[in-house]
Amino acid sequence: MKLDILAFAAHPDDAELSCSGTLLQHIAMGKKVGIIDLTRGELGTRGSAELRDQEAANSSKIMGIHVRENLRMADGFFEDNKEHQLTIIEMIRKYQPDLVLANAINDRHIDHGRGAELVHKASFLAGLSKIETGDLKAWRPKRVLHYIQDYFMQPDVVVDITPWFEKKKECIMAFSSQFYNPKSKEPETPISSASFFQFLEARSREMGRLIGVEFGEGFVSKTPLNLKDLTGI
């Protein structure tokens, strides 16, 4: 299946937290959308890899995405190396996305920046025909954008997600083991407090304010945006 947008995420729930409003918006436009999780989040303080698998499936159903795969790289320890680049290259060639979304370039969790660089490099390498991946032919996405996570970054692109903000929250809460639950006996984490959702809403409002809407999601591009018509901005 050829996809219009393929979002890569170091951990299950990264995409939900940072770009699910954008994915929902494009699904509503008839675009084909998928998510590739690099790890199962097995080092997470709360829950388990098995539970995260089920939560990811539940979130995918709410979102209505067309494809979701987990590459089962080692949470916390995957490397930006040839082996992992080839794995990402295969996913890009398999689904032939026009747009790739990837983790934040720099962030609190070390996997996010490393995942961002891994996907950025692989997106370029996927277009080199001398890199062989069986029957999968060379394919380079038109654009790689990095979503904004914990650390603030000045966005190059902001998407209006106002109609989808409530559904985005549903997608996030499908990962119920990770977020606020007053009945949970598991240890507290930076994302499990009630105030974390206040932060998420504030960030979405901040991004929305930049473009004059209620809620937005921001993205950063390492390369200049290619525009043919400035009047369409």
C-alpha atoms as a PDB file:
ATOM      1  CA  MET A   1       0.000   0.000   0.000  1.00  0.00           C
ATOM      2  CA  LYS A   2       1.349   3.396  -0.965  1.00  0.00           C
ATOM      3  CA  LEU A   3       0.923   5.951   1.810  1.00  0.00           C
ATOM      4  CA  ASP A   4       0.681   9.700   1.616  1.00  0.00           C
ATOM      5  CA  ILE A   5       2.121  10.204   5.112  1.00  0.00           C
ATOM      6  CA  LEU A   6       4.273   7.848   7.182  1.00  0.00           C
ATOM      7  CA  ALA A   7       5.017   8.886  10.767  1.00  0.00           C
ATOM      8  CA  PHE A   8       7.956   7.278  12.547  1.00  0.00           C
ATOM      9  CA  ALA A   9       8.028   7.246  16.345  1.00  0.00           C
ATOM     10  CA  ALA A  10      10.746   6.101  18.721  1.00  0.00           C
ATOM     11  CA  HIS A  11       8.056   4.884  21.144  1.00  0.00           C
ATOM     12  CA  PRO A  12       4.394   3.978  20.906  1.00  0.00           C
ATOM     13  CA  ASP A  13       2.500   7.172  21.873  1.00  0.00           C
ATOM     14  CA  ASP A  14       5.136   9.595  20.478  1.00  0.00           C
ATOM     15  CA  ALA A  15       3.075  10.127  17.325  1.00  0.00           C
ATOM     16  CA  GLU A  16      -0.169  10.382  19.277  1.00  0.00           C
ATOM     17  CA  LEU A  17       1.253  13.061  21.558  1.00  0.00           C
ATOM     18  CA  SER A  18       2.883  15.153  18.863  1.00  0.00           C
ATOM     19  CA  CYS A  19       1.269  14.727  15.447  1.00  0.00           C
ATOM     20  CA  SER A  20      -1.979  12.734  15.741  1.00  0.00           C
ATOM     21  CA  GLY A  21      -4.079  15.852  15.115  1.00  0.00           C
ATOM     22  CA  THR A  22      -2.274  16.301  11.812  1.00  0.00           C
ATOM     23  CA  LEU A  23      -2.751  12.634  10.936  1.00  0.00           C
ATOM     24  CA  LEU A  24      -6.472  12.850  11.767  1.00  0.00           C
ATOM     25  CA  GLN A  25      -6.802  15.957   9.602  1.00  0.00           C
ATOM     26  CA  HIS A  26      -5.238  14.244   6.600  1.00  0.00           C
ATOM     27  CA  ILE A  27      -7.187  11.018   7.054  1.00  0.00           C
ATOM     28  CA  ALA A  28     -10.350  13.144   6.929  1.00  0.00           C
ATOM     29  CA  MET A  29      -9.036  14.567   3.633  1.00  0.00           C
ATOM     30  CA  GLY A  30      -8.848  11.042   2.208  1.00  0.00           C
ATOM     31  CA  LYS A  31      -5.096  10.618   2.591  1.00  0.00           C
ATOM     32  CA  LYS A  32      -3.542   7.256   3.425  1.00  0.00           C
ATOM     33  CA  VAL A  33      -1.585   7.419   6.663  1.00  0.00           C
ATOM     34  CA  GLY A  34       0.589   5.010   8.664  1.00  0.00           C
ATOM     35  CA  ILE A  35       2.746   4.871  11.788  1.00  0.00           C
ATOM     36  CA  ILE A  36       5.980   2.928  12.309  1.00  0.00           C
ATOM     37  CA  ASP A  37       7.034   2.585  15.946  1.00  0.00           C
ATOM     38  CA  LEU A  38      10.749   1.883  16.333  1.00  0.00           C
ATOM     39  CA  THR A  39      10.494   0.239  19.771  1.00  0.00           C
ATOM     40  CA  ARG A  40       7.809  -1.237  22.008  1.00  0.00           C
ATOM     41  CA  GLY A  41       8.624   1.208  24.813  1.00  0.00           C
ATOM     42  CA  GLU A  42       9.699  -1.699  26.966  1.00  0.00           C
ATOM     43  CA  LEU A  43      11.855   0.431  29.261  1.00  0.00           C
ATOM     44  CA  GLY A  44       8.943   2.653  30.222  1.00  0.00           C
ATOM     45  CA  THR A  45       8.418   2.974  33.983  1.00  0.00           C
ATOM     46  CA  ARG A  46       4.708   2.181  33.741  1.00  0.00           C
ATOM     47  CA  GLY A  47       2.967  -0.662  31.951  1.00  0.00           C
ATOM     48  CA  SER A  48       4.678  -3.300  29.804  1.00  0.00           C
ATOM     49  CA  ALA A  49       5.613  -3.901  26.188  1.00  0.00           C
ATOM     50  CA  GLU A  50       2.615  -6.217  25.776  1.00  0.00           C
ATOM     51  CA  LEU A  51       0.260  -3.618  27.184  1.00  0.00           C
ATOM     52  CA  ARG A  52       1.763  -0.903  24.987  1.00  0.00           C
ATOM     53  CA  ASP A  53       1.167  -3.156  21.952  1.00  0.00           C
ATOM     54  CA  GLN A  54      -2.532  -3.335  22.783  1.00  0.00           C
ATOM     55  CA  GLU A  55      -2.748   0.364  23.545  1.00  0.00           C
ATOM     56  CA  ALA A  56      -1.158   1.177  20.184  1.00  0.00           C
ATOM     57  CA  ALA A  57      -3.736  -1.018  18.456  1.00  0.00           C
ATOM     58  CA  ASN A  58      -6.555   0.736  20.319  1.00  0.00           C
ATOM     59  CA  SER A  59      -5.222   4.172  19.417  1.00  0.00           C
ATOM     60  CA  SER A  60      -4.782   3.177  15.768  1.00  0.00           C
ATOM     61  CA  LYS A  61      -8.430   2.130  15.638  1.00  0.00           C
ATOM     62  CA  ILE A  62      -9.566   5.468  17.083  1.00  0.00           C
ATOM     63  CA  MET A  63      -7.369   7.361  14.636  1.00  0.00           C
ATOM     64  CA  GLY A  64      -8.365   5.275  11.632  1.00  0.00           C
ATOM     65  CA  ILE A  65      -4.843   4.936  10.251  1.00  0.00           C
ATOM     66  CA  HIS A  66      -4.252   2.465   7.451  1.00  0.00           C
ATOM     67  CA  VAL A  67      -1.021   0.805   8.649  1.00  0.00           C
ATOM     68  CA  ARG A  68       0.913   0.417  11.910  1.00  0.00           C
ATOM     69  CA  GLU A  69       4.062  -1.639  12.389  1.00  0.00           C
ATOM     70  CA  ASN A  70       6.533  -1.999  15.242  1.00  0.00           C
ATOM     71  CA  LEU A  71      10.181  -2.602  14.334  1.00  0.00           C
ATOM     72  CA  ARG A  72      11.078  -3.920  17.825  1.00  0.00           C
ATOM     73  CA  MET A  73      14.337  -2.047  18.084  1.00  0.00           C
ATOM     74  CA  ALA A  74      15.843  -1.896  21.584  1.00  0.00           C
ATOM     75  CA  ASP A  75      14.205   0.845  23.634  1.00  0.00           C
ATOM     76  CA  GLY A  76      16.893   3.182  24.953  1.00  0.00           C
ATOM     77  CA  PHE A  77      19.685   1.398  23.082  1.00  0.00           C
ATOM     78  CA  PHE A  78      18.900   1.385  19.354  1.00  0.00           C
ATOM     79  CA  GLU A  79      21.654   3.017  17.318  1.00  0.00           C
ATOM     80  CA  ASP A  80      21.841   5.173  14.230  1.00  0.00           C
ATOM     81  CA  ASN A  81      23.820   2.566  12.301  1.00  0.00           C
ATOM     82  CA  LYS A  82      23.727   0.730   8.974  1.00  0.00           C
ATOM     83  CA  GLU A  83      21.553  -2.115  10.260  1.00  0.00           C
ATOM     84  CA  HIS A  84      18.850   0.183  11.565  1.00  0.00           C
ATOM     85  CA  GLN A  85      19.094   2.566   8.608  1.00  0.00           C
ATOM     86  CA  LEU A  86      18.432  -0.369   6.275  1.00  0.00           C
ATOM     87  CA  THR A  87      15.388  -1.342   8.329  1.00  0.00           C
ATOM     88  CA  ILE A  88      13.962   2.171   7.983  1.00  0.00           C
ATOM     89  CA  ILE A  89      14.880   2.246   4.281  1.00  0.00           C
ATOM     90  CA  GLU A  90      12.839  -0.922   3.771  1.00  0.00           C
ATOM     91  CA  MET A  91       9.799   0.649   5.452  1.00  0.00           C
ATOM     92  CA  ILE A  92      10.074   3.768   3.295  1.00  0.00           C
ATOM     93  CA  ARG A  93      10.403   1.735   0.121  1.00  0.00           C
ATOM     94  CA  LYS A  94       7.580  -0.576   1.162  1.00  0.00           C
ATOM     95  CA  TYR A  95       5.070   2.234   1.759  1.00  0.00           C
ATOM     96  CA  GLN A  96       6.448   4.933  -0.585  1.00  0.00           C
ATOM     97  CA  PRO A  97       5.259   7.917   1.468  1.00  0.00           C
ATOM     98  CA  ASP A  98       5.305  11.390  -0.012  1.00  0.00           C
ATOM     99  CA  LEU A  99       5.780  12.847   3.472  1.00  0.00           C
ATOM    100  CA  VAL A 100       7.694  11.390   6.417  1.00  0.00           C
ATOM    101  CA  LEU A 101       7.146  12.661   9.954  1.00  0.00           C
ATOM    102  CA  ALA A 102       9.834  11.916  12.537  1.00  0.00           C
ATOM    103  CA  ASN A 103      10.741  12.576  16.157  1.00  0.00           C
ATOM    104  CA  ALA A 104      11.989  15.908  17.473  1.00  0.00           C
ATOM    105  CA  ILE A 105      15.553  16.767  16.472  1.00  0.00           C
ATOM    106  CA  ASN A 106      16.472  17.463  20.105  1.00  0.00           C
ATOM    107  CA  ASP A 107      14.454  16.468  23.153  1.00  0.00           C
ATOM    108  CA  ARG A 108      14.476  15.351  26.791  1.00  0.00           C
ATOM    109  CA  HIS A 109      14.364  11.626  25.929  1.00  0.00           C
ATOM    110  CA  ILE A 110      17.584  10.525  24.225  1.00  0.00           C
ATOM    111  CA  ASP A 111      15.693   8.183  21.871  1.00  0.00           C
ATOM    112  CA  HIS A 112      13.855  11.095  20.273  1.00  0.00           C
ATOM    113  CA  GLY A 113      16.856  12.929  18.833  1.00  0.00           C
ATOM    114  CA  ARG A 114      18.529   9.658  17.871  1.00  0.00           C
ATOM    115  CA  GLY A 115      15.357   8.431  16.169  1.00  0.00           C
ATOM    116  CA  ALA A 116      15.028  11.756  14.350  1.00  0.00           C
ATOM    117  CA  GLU A 117      18.532  11.487  12.902  1.00  0.00           C
ATOM    118  CA  LEU A 118      18.089   7.819  12.002  1.00  0.00           C
ATOM    119  CA  VAL A 119      14.901   8.478  10.042  1.00  0.00           C
ATOM    120  CA  HIS A 120      16.270  11.642   8.424  1.00  0.00           C
ATOM    121  CA  LYS A 121      19.331   9.790   7.098  1.00  0.00           C
ATOM    122  CA  ALA A 122      17.359   6.731   6.003  1.00  0.00           C
ATOM    123  CA  SER A 123      14.859   8.908   4.115  1.00  0.00           C
ATOM    124  CA  PHE A 124      17.722  10.205   1.975  1.00  0.00           C
ATOM    125  CA  LEU A 125      19.425   6.833   1.571  1.00  0.00           C
ATOM    126  CA  ALA A 126      16.135   5.190   0.534  1.00  0.00           C
ATOM    127  CA  GLY A 127      16.409   7.085  -2.755  1.00  0.00           C
ATOM    128  CA  LEU A 128      19.769   5.573  -3.701  1.00  0.00           C
ATOM    129  CA  SER A 129      19.176   2.739  -6.168  1.00  0.00           C
ATOM    130  CA  LYS A 130      22.505   1.029  -5.435  1.00  0.00           C
ATOM    131  CA  ILE A 131      21.306   0.214  -1.915  1.00  0.00           C
ATOM    132  CA  GLU A 132      19.593  -3.126  -2.461  1.00  0.00           C
ATOM    133  CA  THR A 133      16.546  -4.215  -0.480  1.00  0.00           C
ATOM    134  CA  GLY A 134      15.281  -7.245  -2.361  1.00  0.00           C
ATOM    135  CA  ASP A 135      12.320  -6.428  -4.609  1.00  0.00           C
ATOM    136  CA  LEU A 136      11.771  -3.032  -2.977  1.00  0.00           C
ATOM    137  CA  LYS A 137      12.715  -0.230  -5.340  1.00  0.00           C
ATOM    138  CA  ALA A 138      14.382   3.065  -4.449  1.00  0.00           C
ATOM    139  CA  TRP A 139      12.023   5.705  -3.077  1.00  0.00           C
ATOM    140  CA  ARG A 140      12.759   9.067  -1.488  1.00  0.00           C
ATOM    141  CA  PRO A 141      10.011  11.037   0.289  1.00  0.00           C
ATOM    142  CA  LYS A 142       9.406  14.561  -0.964  1.00  0.00           C
ATOM    143  CA  ARG A 143       9.766  15.969   2.556  1.00  0.00           C
ATOM    144  CA  VAL A 144      10.797  14.980   6.078  1.00  0.00           C
ATOM    145  CA  LEU A 145       9.290  17.026   8.910  1.00  0.00           C
ATOM    146  CA  HIS A 146      10.126  16.641  12.589  1.00  0.00           C
ATOM    147  CA  TYR A 147       7.327  17.024  15.100  1.00  0.00           C
ATOM    148  CA  ILE A 148       7.857  18.996  18.300  1.00  0.00           C
ATOM    149  CA  GLN A 149       7.839  17.059  21.570  1.00  0.00           C
ATOM    150  CA  ASP A 150       8.830  18.018  25.126  1.00  0.00           C
ATOM    151  CA  TYR A 151      11.317  20.799  24.374  1.00  0.00           C
ATOM    152  CA  PHE A 152       9.954  23.868  22.616  1.00  0.00           C
ATOM    153  CA  MET A 153      11.182  24.459  19.083  1.00  0.00           C
ATOM    154  CA  GLN A 154      10.289  27.314  16.754  1.00  0.00           C
ATOM    155  CA  PRO A 155       8.131  25.624  14.097  1.00  0.00           C
ATOM    156  CA  ASP A 156       8.658  26.010  10.372  1.00  0.00           C
ATOM    157  CA  VAL A 157       5.155  24.650   9.687  1.00  0.00           C
ATOM    158  CA  VAL A 158       2.025  24.684  11.854  1.00  0.00           C
ATOM    159  CA  VAL A 159      -1.075  22.614  11.077  1.00  0.00           C
ATOM    160  CA  ASP A 160      -4.516  23.700  12.311  1.00  0.00           C
ATOM    161  CA  ILE A 161      -5.850  20.759  14.359  1.00  0.00           C
ATOM    162  CA  THR A 162      -8.718  22.618  16.023  1.00  0.00           C
ATOM    163  CA  PRO A 163     -11.456  20.264  14.701  1.00  0.00           C
ATOM    164  CA  TRP A 164      -9.454  17.243  15.835  1.00  0.00           C
ATOM    165  CA  PHE A 165      -8.138  18.253  19.242  1.00  0.00           C
ATOM    166  CA  GLU A 166     -10.685  16.270  21.271  1.00  0.00           C
ATOM    167  CA  LYS A 167     -10.144  13.155  19.174  1.00  0.00           C
ATOM    168  CA  LYS A 168      -6.396  13.607  19.544  1.00  0.00           C
ATOM    169  CA  LYS A 169      -6.893  13.407  23.307  1.00  0.00           C
ATOM    170  CA  GLU A 170      -8.822  10.145  22.833  1.00  0.00           C
ATOM    171  CA  CYS A 171      -5.906   8.711  20.851  1.00  0.00           C
ATOM    172  CA  ILE A 172      -3.478   9.716  23.606  1.00  0.00           C
ATOM    173  CA  MET A 173      -5.650   8.300  26.391  1.00  0.00           C
ATOM    174  CA  ALA A 174      -5.749   4.950  24.594  1.00  0.00           C
ATOM    175  CA  PHE A 175      -2.305   4.630  26.227  1.00  0.00           C
ATOM    176  CA  SER A 176      -3.981   4.577  29.630  1.00  0.00           C
ATOM    177  CA  SER A 177      -1.013   2.932  31.374  1.00  0.00           C
ATOM    178  CA  GLN A 178       1.196   5.945  30.654  1.00  0.00           C
ATOM    179  CA  PHE A 179      -0.935   8.912  31.648  1.00  0.00           C
ATOM    180  CA  TYR A 180      -2.863  10.268  34.601  1.00  0.00           C
ATOM    181  CA  ASN A 181      -4.964   7.735  36.463  1.00  0.00           C
ATOM    182  CA  PRO A 182      -5.737   8.512  40.129  1.00  0.00           C
ATOM    183  CA  LYS A 183      -6.304   4.796  40.780  1.00  0.00           C
ATOM    184  CA  SER A 184      -2.920   3.700  39.448  1.00  0.00           C
ATOM    185  CA  LYS A 185      -0.411   2.259  41.928  1.00  0.00           C
ATOM    186  CA  GLU A 186       2.507   2.578  39.522  1.00  0.00           C
ATOM    187  CA  PRO A 187       5.340   5.114  39.982  1.00  0.00           C
ATOM    188  CA  GLU A 188       4.857   8.695  38.879  1.00  0.00           C
ATOM    189  CA  THR A 189       6.618   9.815  35.697  1.00  0.00           C
ATOM    190  CA  PRO A 190       7.018  13.173  33.911  1.00  0.00           C
ATOM    191  CA  ILE A 191       3.934  12.381  31.797  1.00  0.00           C
ATOM    192  CA  SER A 192       1.642  10.699  34.342  1.00  0.00           C
ATOM    193  CA  SER A 193       0.575  13.757  36.346  1.00  0.00           C
ATOM    194  CA  ALA A 194      -2.734  15.539  35.830  1.00  0.00           C
ATOM    195  CA  SER A 195      -0.805  18.687  34.905  1.00  0.00           C
ATOM    196  CA  PHE A 196       0.789  17.008  31.881  1.00  0.00           C
ATOM    197  CA  PHE A 197      -2.444  17.342  29.905  1.00  0.00           C
ATOM    198  CA  GLN A 198      -2.539  21.008  30.826  1.00  0.00           C
ATOM    199  CA  PHE A 199       0.923  21.284  29.271  1.00  0.00           C
ATOM    200  CA  LEU A 200      -0.246  19.477  26.108  1.00  0.00           C
ATOM    201  CA  GLU A 201      -3.230  21.768  25.746  1.00  0.00           C
ATOM    202  CA  ALA A 202      -1.087  24.842  26.377  1.00  0.00           C
ATOM    203  CA  ARG A 203       1.446  23.721  23.758  1.00  0.00           C
ATOM    204  CA  SER A 204      -1.340  23.131  21.227  1.00  0.00           C
ATOM    205  CA  ARG A 205      -2.821  26.540  21.984  1.00  0.00           C
ATOM    206  CA  GLU A 206       0.611  28.124  21.672  1.00  0.00           C
ATOM    207  CA  MET A 207       1.137  26.580  18.249  1.00  0.00           C
ATOM    208  CA  GLY A 208      -2.374  27.504  17.196  1.00  0.00           C
ATOM    209  CA  ARG A 209      -1.885  31.103  18.264  1.00  0.00           C
ATOM    210  CA  LEU A 210       1.062  31.394  15.886  1.00  0.00           C
ATOM    211  CA  ILE A 211      -1.295  30.876  12.924  1.00  0.00           C
ATOM    212  CA  GLY A 212      -4.431  32.455  14.373  1.00  0.00           C
ATOM    213  CA  VAL A 213      -6.376  29.305  15.288  1.00  0.00           C
ATOM    214  CA  GLU A 214      -7.300  27.624  18.560  1.00  0.00           C
ATOM    215  CA  PHE A 215      -5.121  24.494  18.400  1.00  0.00           C
ATOM    216  CA  GLY A 216      -2.121  23.618  16.256  1.00  0.00           C
ATOM    217  CA  GLU A 217       0.753  21.162  15.841  1.00  0.00           C
ATOM    218  CA  GLY A 218       4.177  22.435  14.858  1.00  0.00           C
ATOM    219  CA  PHE A 219       6.862  20.851  12.719  1.00  0.00           C
ATOM    220  CA  VAL A 220      10.510  21.613  11.981  1.00  0.00           C
ATOM    221  CA  SER A 221      12.227  21.090   8.626  1.00  0.00           C
ATOM    222  CA  LYS A 222      15.979  20.580   8.261  1.00  0.00           C
ATOM    223  CA  THR A 223      15.786  21.661   4.627  1.00  0.00           C
ATOM    224  CA  PRO A 224      14.085  24.670   2.987  1.00  0.00           C
ATOM    225  CA  LEU A 225      10.442  24.305   2.018  1.00  0.00           C
ATOM    226  CA  ASN A 226       9.857  24.204  -1.748  1.00  0.00           C
ATOM    227  CA  LEU A 227       7.005  26.546  -2.727  1.00  0.00           C
ATOM    228  CA  LYS A 228       5.856  27.308  -6.250  1.00  0.00           C
ATOM    229  CA  ASP A 229       3.186  29.823  -5.289  1.00  0.00           C
ATOM    230  CA  LEU A 230       3.821  32.293  -2.461  1.00  0.00           C
ATOM    231  CA  THR A 231       0.224  33.508  -2.599  1.00  0.00           C
ATOM    232  CA  GLY A 232      -0.914  30.142  -1.241  1.00  0.00           C
ATOM    233  CA  ILE A 233       0.896  30.574   2.056  1.00  0.00           C
END
